[in-house]
Amino acid sequence: MDELNAEDPSQVALRAATGQLRSLRQHRCATAERDQRRAAQQLQALLDELTRKQAHAESEQAALVQWRHALSDQLQGGGSMRTLRQWLGQEAGRLRQVEALKQGLLAHQQQVEHQRSELARCKQVVTHRARAVEKLDVLREILDEQS
């Protein structure tokens, strides 16, 4: 009768180990979920910044077009060579500024893509860690059924 009531020490140790592992796995899973949320927030911030930068670049290009129309009107009105040189110098400066904005946009788009891949990696980690917790739960259920 005592043999039926006495639990196998290896089963008791295995149950205790799975309990500790489950707690550890749950903690790691929660950490991965926080990392995933943080990555999603960073991605959203980058996307918002990208939208703002794109709008700024578009407004700069529109201003450049208006600048060119004004230059054309000035030249048709008989502007001096000095005025023309000033306008051309200013236009060159604006073109450099627009080019710098475009380069900044490209770099920002690369950051967005990198953050998207980081978010995808975080999602995979969350999935794998959740599966590990589920496997430990199944193992614990099997041990409980055996005893």
N, C-alpha and C. Protein backbone atom coordinates (compact mmCIF):
# COMPACT_ATOMS: atom_id res chain seq x y z
N MET A 1 0.82 -1.18 0.00
CA MET A 1 0.00 0.00 0.00
C MET A 1 0.87 1.25 0.00
N ASP A 2 1.98 1.18 0.79
CA ASP A 2 2.89 2.32 0.82
C ASP A 2 3.56 2.51 -0.54
N GLU A 3 3.75 1.43 -1.24
CA GLU A 3 4.37 1.52 -2.56
C GLU A 3 3.49 2.29 -3.53
N LEU A 4 2.17 2.16 -3.41
CA LEU A 4 1.25 2.88 -4.30
C LEU A 4 1.21 4.37 -3.97
N ASN A 5 1.30 4.70 -2.68
CA ASN A 5 1.24 6.10 -2.28
C ASN A 5 2.56 6.82 -2.48
N ALA A 6 3.65 6.09 -2.42
CA ALA A 6 4.97 6.70 -2.57
C ALA A 6 5.20 7.04 -4.04
N GLU A 7 5.61 8.28 -4.25
CA GLU A 7 5.88 8.70 -5.63
C GLU A 7 7.32 8.40 -5.99
N ASP A 8 7.51 8.16 -7.23
CA ASP A 8 8.85 7.90 -7.74
C ASP A 8 9.67 9.19 -7.59
N PRO A 9 10.84 9.12 -6.95
CA PRO A 9 11.65 10.33 -6.74
C PRO A 9 12.07 10.99 -8.06
N SER A 10 12.28 10.19 -9.09
CA SER A 10 12.66 10.78 -10.38
C SER A 10 11.50 11.58 -10.98
N GLN A 11 10.28 11.08 -10.77
CA GLN A 11 9.10 11.82 -11.27
C GLN A 11 8.94 13.13 -10.50
N VAL A 12 9.15 13.09 -9.18
CA VAL A 12 9.04 14.29 -8.36
C VAL A 12 10.08 15.31 -8.81
N ALA A 13 11.30 14.84 -9.03
CA ALA A 13 12.38 15.73 -9.47
C ALA A 13 12.08 16.29 -10.86
N LEU A 14 11.55 15.45 -11.73
CA LEU A 14 11.21 15.89 -13.09
C LEU A 14 10.11 16.94 -13.05
N ARG A 15 9.09 16.73 -12.20
CA ARG A 15 8.01 17.71 -12.07
C ARG A 15 8.55 19.04 -11.55
N ALA A 16 9.44 18.96 -10.56
CA ALA A 16 10.02 20.19 -9.99
C ALA A 16 10.85 20.93 -11.05
N ALA A 17 11.61 20.15 -11.82
CA ALA A 17 12.44 20.77 -12.87
C ALA A 17 11.57 21.42 -13.94
N THR A 18 10.51 20.73 -14.35
CA THR A 18 9.64 21.32 -15.37
C THR A 18 8.93 22.56 -14.84
N GLY A 19 8.60 22.57 -13.57
CA GLY A 19 7.99 23.76 -12.97
C GLY A 19 8.93 24.95 -13.00
N GLN A 20 10.20 24.70 -12.65
CA GLN A 20 11.18 25.78 -12.68
C GLN A 20 11.47 26.22 -14.11
N LEU A 21 11.60 25.26 -15.00
CA LEU A 21 11.82 25.61 -16.41
C LEU A 21 10.66 26.40 -16.98
N ARG A 22 9.44 26.01 -16.59
CA ARG A 22 8.26 26.71 -17.09
C ARG A 22 8.28 28.17 -16.64
N SER A 23 8.62 28.41 -15.38
CA SER A 23 8.70 29.79 -14.88
C SER A 23 9.75 30.59 -15.66
N LEU A 24 10.88 29.96 -15.87
CA LEU A 24 11.95 30.62 -16.63
C LEU A 24 11.50 30.90 -18.06
N ARG A 25 10.88 29.93 -18.68
CA ARG A 25 10.41 30.09 -20.05
C ARG A 25 9.33 31.17 -20.15
N GLN A 26 8.45 31.23 -19.16
CA GLN A 26 7.41 32.26 -19.17
C GLN A 26 8.05 33.64 -19.07
N HIS A 27 9.06 33.76 -18.24
CA HIS A 27 9.76 35.04 -18.10
C HIS A 27 10.42 35.42 -19.42
N ARG A 28 11.09 34.47 -20.05
CA ARG A 28 11.74 34.74 -21.33
C ARG A 28 10.72 35.08 -22.41
N CYS A 29 9.58 34.43 -22.35
CA CYS A 29 8.50 34.72 -23.30
C CYS A 29 7.98 36.14 -23.10
N ALA A 30 7.78 36.53 -21.86
CA ALA A 30 7.31 37.89 -21.56
C ALA A 30 8.35 38.93 -22.01
N THR A 31 9.62 38.62 -21.82
CA THR A 31 10.68 39.52 -22.27
C THR A 31 10.65 39.65 -23.79
N ALA A 32 10.47 38.55 -24.48
CA ALA A 32 10.40 38.58 -25.94
C ALA A 32 9.19 39.38 -26.41
N GLU A 33 8.07 39.27 -25.71
CA GLU A 33 6.89 40.04 -26.07
C GLU A 33 7.12 41.54 -25.87
N ARG A 34 7.83 41.89 -24.79
CA ARG A 34 8.17 43.31 -24.57
C ARG A 34 9.09 43.80 -25.68
N ASP A 35 10.07 42.98 -26.06
CA ASP A 35 10.97 43.35 -27.16
C ASP A 35 10.19 43.54 -28.45
N GLN A 36 9.22 42.69 -28.68
CA GLN A 36 8.39 42.80 -29.88
C GLN A 36 7.59 44.11 -29.87
N ARG A 37 7.00 44.44 -28.74
CA ARG A 37 6.24 45.70 -28.64
C ARG A 37 7.15 46.90 -28.85
N ARG A 38 8.34 46.85 -28.26
CA ARG A 38 9.30 47.94 -28.41
C ARG A 38 9.72 48.08 -29.87
N ALA A 39 9.96 46.97 -30.55
CA ALA A 39 10.34 47.01 -31.96
C ALA A 39 9.20 47.57 -32.81
N ALA A 40 7.97 47.20 -32.48
CA ALA A 40 6.82 47.72 -33.23
C ALA A 40 6.67 49.22 -33.01
N GLN A 41 6.89 49.69 -31.79
CA GLN A 41 6.81 51.13 -31.51
C GLN A 41 7.91 51.88 -32.25
N GLN A 42 9.11 51.32 -32.27
CA GLN A 42 10.21 51.97 -32.98
C GLN A 42 9.93 52.02 -34.47
N LEU A 43 9.36 50.94 -35.00
CA LEU A 43 9.00 50.93 -36.42
C LEU A 43 7.97 52.00 -36.72
N GLN A 44 6.96 52.12 -35.87
CA GLN A 44 5.93 53.13 -36.08
C GLN A 44 6.53 54.54 -36.04
N ALA A 45 7.44 54.77 -35.09
CA ALA A 45 8.10 56.07 -35.00
C ALA A 45 8.92 56.36 -36.26
N LEU A 46 9.62 55.34 -36.76
CA LEU A 46 10.39 55.52 -37.99
C LEU A 46 9.48 55.79 -39.19
N LEU A 47 8.35 55.10 -39.24
CA LEU A 47 7.41 55.33 -40.35
C LEU A 47 6.82 56.74 -40.28
N ASP A 48 6.51 57.20 -39.08
CA ASP A 48 5.99 58.56 -38.92
C ASP A 48 7.03 59.59 -39.36
N GLU A 49 8.27 59.37 -38.95
CA GLU A 49 9.36 60.27 -39.32
C GLU A 49 9.59 60.24 -40.84
N LEU A 50 9.50 59.06 -41.43
CA LEU A 50 9.66 58.94 -42.88
C LEU A 50 8.57 59.72 -43.61
N THR A 51 7.34 59.62 -43.14
CA THR A 51 6.24 60.35 -43.75
C THR A 51 6.49 61.85 -43.66
N ARG A 52 6.96 62.30 -42.50
CA ARG A 52 7.25 63.72 -42.32
C ARG A 52 8.36 64.18 -43.26
N LYS A 53 9.41 63.37 -43.36
CA LYS A 53 10.53 63.72 -44.24
C LYS A 53 10.11 63.73 -45.71
N GLN A 54 9.27 62.78 -46.10
CA GLN A 54 8.80 62.75 -47.48
C GLN A 54 7.97 63.98 -47.80
N ALA A 55 7.12 64.39 -46.87
CA ALA A 55 6.32 65.60 -47.08
C ALA A 55 7.22 66.82 -47.20
N HIS A 56 8.25 66.88 -46.37
CA HIS A 56 9.19 68.00 -46.43
C HIS A 56 9.93 68.01 -47.77
N ALA A 57 10.36 66.86 -48.23
CA ALA A 57 11.07 66.78 -49.51
C ALA A 57 10.15 67.19 -50.67
N GLU A 58 8.90 66.76 -50.61
CA GLU A 58 7.95 67.14 -51.66
C GLU A 58 7.71 68.64 -51.66
N SER A 59 7.61 69.25 -50.48
CA SER A 59 7.40 70.70 -50.42
C SER A 59 8.63 71.45 -50.93
N GLU A 60 9.82 70.92 -50.64
CA GLU A 60 11.05 71.53 -51.16
C GLU A 60 11.11 71.45 -52.68
N GLN A 61 10.70 70.32 -53.23
CA GLN A 61 10.70 70.18 -54.69
C GLN A 61 9.68 71.13 -55.32
N ALA A 62 8.52 71.27 -54.68
CA ALA A 62 7.50 72.21 -55.18
C ALA A 62 8.03 73.64 -55.12
N ALA A 63 8.74 73.97 -54.05
CA ALA A 63 9.33 75.31 -53.93
C ALA A 63 10.38 75.53 -55.01
N LEU A 64 11.12 74.50 -55.33
CA LEU A 64 12.13 74.61 -56.39
C LEU A 64 11.47 74.85 -57.75
N VAL A 65 10.37 74.19 -58.00
CA VAL A 65 9.65 74.40 -59.26
C VAL A 65 9.14 75.84 -59.33
N GLN A 66 8.60 76.33 -58.23
CA GLN A 66 8.13 77.72 -58.19
C GLN A 66 9.30 78.68 -58.40
N TRP A 67 10.43 78.35 -57.81
CA TRP A 67 11.64 79.15 -57.96
C TRP A 67 12.04 79.23 -59.43
N ARG A 68 11.99 78.13 -60.11
CA ARG A 68 12.35 78.10 -61.53
C ARG A 68 11.38 78.91 -62.38
N HIS A 69 10.09 78.83 -62.05
CA HIS A 69 9.10 79.63 -62.79
C HIS A 69 9.36 81.12 -62.58
N ALA A 70 9.70 81.49 -61.35
CA ALA A 70 10.01 82.89 -61.07
C ALA A 70 11.25 83.33 -61.83
N LEU A 71 12.24 82.45 -61.91
CA LEU A 71 13.46 82.75 -62.67
C LEU A 71 13.13 82.93 -64.14
N SER A 72 12.29 82.06 -64.66
CA SER A 72 11.89 82.16 -66.07
C SER A 72 11.18 83.48 -66.32
N ASP A 73 10.27 83.83 -65.43
CA ASP A 73 9.57 85.11 -65.57
C ASP A 73 10.55 86.28 -65.51
N GLN A 74 11.52 86.20 -64.62
CA GLN A 74 12.53 87.25 -64.46
C GLN A 74 13.35 87.39 -65.73
N LEU A 75 13.72 86.26 -66.32
CA LEU A 75 14.54 86.32 -67.54
C LEU A 75 13.73 86.86 -68.72
N GLN A 76 12.48 86.49 -68.79
CA GLN A 76 11.64 86.99 -69.87
C GLN A 76 11.39 88.49 -69.72
N GLY A 77 11.45 88.96 -68.50
CA GLY A 77 11.25 90.38 -68.24
C GLY A 77 12.51 91.20 -68.46
N GLY A 78 13.59 90.55 -68.84
CA GLY A 78 14.83 91.27 -69.15
C GLY A 78 15.71 91.48 -67.94
N GLY A 79 15.92 90.48 -67.12
CA GLY A 79 16.77 90.58 -65.94
C GLY A 79 18.24 90.72 -66.32
N SER A 80 19.02 91.24 -65.40
CA SER A 80 20.45 91.43 -65.67
C SER A 80 21.21 90.12 -65.49
N MET A 81 22.44 90.12 -65.97
CA MET A 81 23.31 88.94 -65.81
C MET A 81 23.64 88.70 -64.33
N ARG A 82 23.77 89.79 -63.62
CA ARG A 82 24.08 89.65 -62.18
C ARG A 82 22.92 88.95 -61.47
N THR A 83 21.70 89.33 -61.78
CA THR A 83 20.53 88.71 -61.19
C THR A 83 20.47 87.23 -61.58
N LEU A 84 20.76 86.97 -62.84
CA LEU A 84 20.76 85.59 -63.33
C LEU A 84 21.77 84.75 -62.57
N ARG A 85 22.98 85.27 -62.36
CA ARG A 85 24.01 84.52 -61.62
C ARG A 85 23.56 84.27 -60.18
N GLN A 86 22.96 85.26 -59.58
CA GLN A 86 22.48 85.08 -58.21
C GLN A 86 21.42 83.98 -58.15
N TRP A 87 20.50 84.02 -59.08
CA TRP A 87 19.43 83.01 -59.12
C TRP A 87 20.01 81.62 -59.35
N LEU A 88 20.95 81.54 -60.26
CA LEU A 88 21.55 80.24 -60.56
C LEU A 88 22.32 79.71 -59.34
N GLY A 89 23.02 80.57 -58.64
CA GLY A 89 23.73 80.15 -57.43
C GLY A 89 22.75 79.67 -56.36
N GLN A 90 21.66 80.40 -56.21
CA GLN A 90 20.66 79.99 -55.23
C GLN A 90 19.99 78.67 -55.64
N GLU A 91 19.75 78.52 -56.93
CA GLU A 91 19.14 77.28 -57.41
C GLU A 91 20.07 76.09 -57.18
N ALA A 92 21.37 76.30 -57.42
CA ALA A 92 22.33 75.22 -57.17
C ALA A 92 22.31 74.82 -55.70
N GLY A 93 22.22 75.80 -54.83
CA GLY A 93 22.14 75.51 -53.40
C GLY A 93 20.87 74.73 -53.06
N ARG A 94 19.78 75.12 -53.66
CA ARG A 94 18.51 74.41 -53.42
C ARG A 94 18.57 72.99 -53.98
N LEU A 95 19.20 72.82 -55.13
CA LEU A 95 19.33 71.48 -55.70
C LEU A 95 20.16 70.58 -54.78
N ARG A 96 21.23 71.15 -54.20
CA ARG A 96 22.03 70.37 -53.25
C ARG A 96 21.20 70.00 -52.02
N GLN A 97 20.38 70.93 -51.58
CA GLN A 97 19.53 70.67 -50.42
C GLN A 97 18.52 69.57 -50.72
N VAL A 98 17.91 69.61 -51.90
CA VAL A 98 16.95 68.58 -52.29
C VAL A 98 17.65 67.23 -52.42
N GLU A 99 18.85 67.22 -52.97
CA GLU A 99 19.61 65.97 -53.09
C GLU A 99 19.95 65.40 -51.71
N ALA A 100 20.31 66.28 -50.78
CA ALA A 100 20.60 65.83 -49.41
C ALA A 100 19.34 65.26 -48.76
N LEU A 101 18.19 65.88 -49.03
CA LEU A 101 16.93 65.35 -48.50
C LEU A 101 16.64 63.96 -49.08
N LYS A 102 16.89 63.80 -50.36
CA LYS A 102 16.67 62.49 -51.00
C LYS A 102 17.58 61.43 -50.38
N GLN A 103 18.83 61.78 -50.16
CA GLN A 103 19.77 60.83 -49.55
C GLN A 103 19.32 60.48 -48.12
N GLY A 104 18.84 61.49 -47.40
CA GLY A 104 18.33 61.25 -46.06
C GLY A 104 17.12 60.33 -46.08
N LEU A 105 16.25 60.52 -47.07
CA LEU A 105 15.08 59.65 -47.21
C LEU A 105 15.50 58.21 -47.50
N LEU A 106 16.47 58.04 -48.37
CA LEU A 106 16.95 56.68 -48.67
C LEU A 106 17.52 56.00 -47.42
N ALA A 107 18.31 56.76 -46.67
CA ALA A 107 18.89 56.20 -45.44
C ALA A 107 17.78 55.85 -44.45
N HIS A 108 16.78 56.71 -44.37
CA HIS A 108 15.67 56.45 -43.44
C HIS A 108 14.86 55.24 -43.88
N GLN A 109 14.67 55.09 -45.18
CA GLN A 109 13.95 53.91 -45.69
C GLN A 109 14.72 52.63 -45.36
N GLN A 110 16.03 52.69 -45.41
CA GLN A 110 16.83 51.52 -45.03
C GLN A 110 16.66 51.22 -43.55
N GLN A 111 16.59 52.26 -42.71
CA GLN A 111 16.35 52.04 -41.28
C GLN A 111 14.99 51.39 -41.07
N VAL A 112 13.99 51.82 -41.83
CA VAL A 112 12.65 51.25 -41.70
C VAL A 112 12.69 49.77 -42.07
N GLU A 113 13.35 49.43 -43.16
CA GLU A 113 13.45 48.02 -43.57
C GLU A 113 14.19 47.19 -42.52
N HIS A 114 15.25 47.76 -41.96
CA HIS A 114 15.98 47.05 -40.91
C HIS A 114 15.07 46.83 -39.71
N GLN A 115 14.29 47.83 -39.33
CA GLN A 115 13.39 47.70 -38.18
C GLN A 115 12.29 46.70 -38.47
N ARG A 116 11.82 46.64 -39.72
CA ARG A 116 10.81 45.64 -40.08
C ARG A 116 11.37 44.23 -39.92
N SER A 117 12.62 44.03 -40.34
CA SER A 117 13.21 42.71 -40.19
C SER A 117 13.44 42.39 -38.70
N GLU A 118 13.77 43.40 -37.91
CA GLU A 118 13.94 43.20 -36.47
C GLU A 118 12.60 42.82 -35.83
N LEU A 119 11.52 43.46 -36.27
CA LEU A 119 10.20 43.14 -35.74
C LEU A 119 9.81 41.71 -36.12
N ALA A 120 10.11 41.31 -37.35
CA ALA A 120 9.82 39.94 -37.78
C ALA A 120 10.61 38.93 -36.94
N ARG A 121 11.87 39.26 -36.65
CA ARG A 121 12.69 38.38 -35.82
C ARG A 121 12.10 38.29 -34.41
N CYS A 122 11.67 39.41 -33.88
CA CYS A 122 11.07 39.40 -32.53
C CYS A 122 9.80 38.55 -32.50
N LYS A 123 9.01 38.64 -33.56
CA LYS A 123 7.79 37.82 -33.62
C LYS A 123 8.13 36.34 -33.63
N GLN A 124 9.18 35.97 -34.36
CA GLN A 124 9.60 34.57 -34.39
C GLN A 124 10.07 34.11 -33.00
N VAL A 125 10.81 34.96 -32.32
CA VAL A 125 11.30 34.61 -30.98
C VAL A 125 10.13 34.40 -30.04
N VAL A 126 9.13 35.29 -30.11
CA VAL A 126 7.95 35.14 -29.26
C VAL A 126 7.26 33.82 -29.55
N THR A 127 7.10 33.49 -30.81
CA THR A 127 6.44 32.25 -31.20
C THR A 127 7.21 31.04 -30.67
N HIS A 128 8.52 31.04 -30.85
CA HIS A 128 9.33 29.90 -30.39
C HIS A 128 9.29 29.76 -28.87
N ARG A 129 9.34 30.88 -28.19
CA ARG A 129 9.33 30.81 -26.72
C ARG A 129 7.96 30.39 -26.20
N ALA A 130 6.90 30.81 -26.87
CA ALA A 130 5.56 30.39 -26.47
C ALA A 130 5.40 28.88 -26.69
N ARG A 131 5.96 28.38 -27.78
CA ARG A 131 5.91 26.94 -28.04
C ARG A 131 6.66 26.17 -26.97
N ALA A 132 7.79 26.71 -26.52
CA ALA A 132 8.56 26.02 -25.48
C ALA A 132 7.75 25.93 -24.19
N VAL A 133 7.04 26.99 -23.86
CA VAL A 133 6.18 26.95 -22.65
C VAL A 133 5.08 25.93 -22.84
N GLU A 134 4.48 25.89 -24.02
CA GLU A 134 3.42 24.91 -24.29
C GLU A 134 3.95 23.48 -24.18
N LYS A 135 5.14 23.25 -24.69
CA LYS A 135 5.73 21.91 -24.61
C LYS A 135 5.97 21.50 -23.15
N LEU A 136 6.42 22.44 -22.35
CA LEU A 136 6.61 22.13 -20.93
C LEU A 136 5.28 21.85 -20.25
N ASP A 137 4.23 22.57 -20.64
CA ASP A 137 2.90 22.30 -20.09
C ASP A 137 2.43 20.89 -20.45
N VAL A 138 2.67 20.51 -21.70
CA VAL A 138 2.28 19.17 -22.14
C VAL A 138 3.08 18.12 -21.37
N LEU A 139 4.36 18.35 -21.19
CA LEU A 139 5.19 17.41 -20.44
C LEU A 139 4.68 17.29 -19.00
N ARG A 140 4.33 18.41 -18.42
CA ARG A 140 3.81 18.40 -17.04
C ARG A 140 2.50 17.62 -16.96
N GLU A 141 1.61 17.81 -17.97
CA GLU A 141 0.35 17.07 -17.99
C GLU A 141 0.59 15.57 -18.11
N ILE A 142 1.54 15.21 -18.94
CA ILE A 142 1.87 13.78 -19.12
C ILE A 142 2.38 13.21 -17.79
N LEU A 143 3.23 13.95 -17.12
CA LEU A 143 3.75 13.48 -15.83
C LEU A 143 2.62 13.35 -14.80
N ASP A 144 1.70 14.31 -14.81
CA ASP A 144 0.59 14.24 -13.87
C ASP A 144 -0.31 13.04 -14.17
N GLU A 145 -0.51 12.74 -15.45
CA GLU A 145 -1.34 11.60 -15.83
C GLU A 145 -0.68 10.30 -15.45
N GLN A 146 0.63 10.23 -15.53
CA GLN A 146 1.35 8.99 -15.21
C GLN A 146 1.33 8.70 -13.71
N SER A 147 1.22 9.74 -12.90
CA SER A 147 1.26 9.47 -11.46
C SER A 147 -0.10 9.34 -10.84
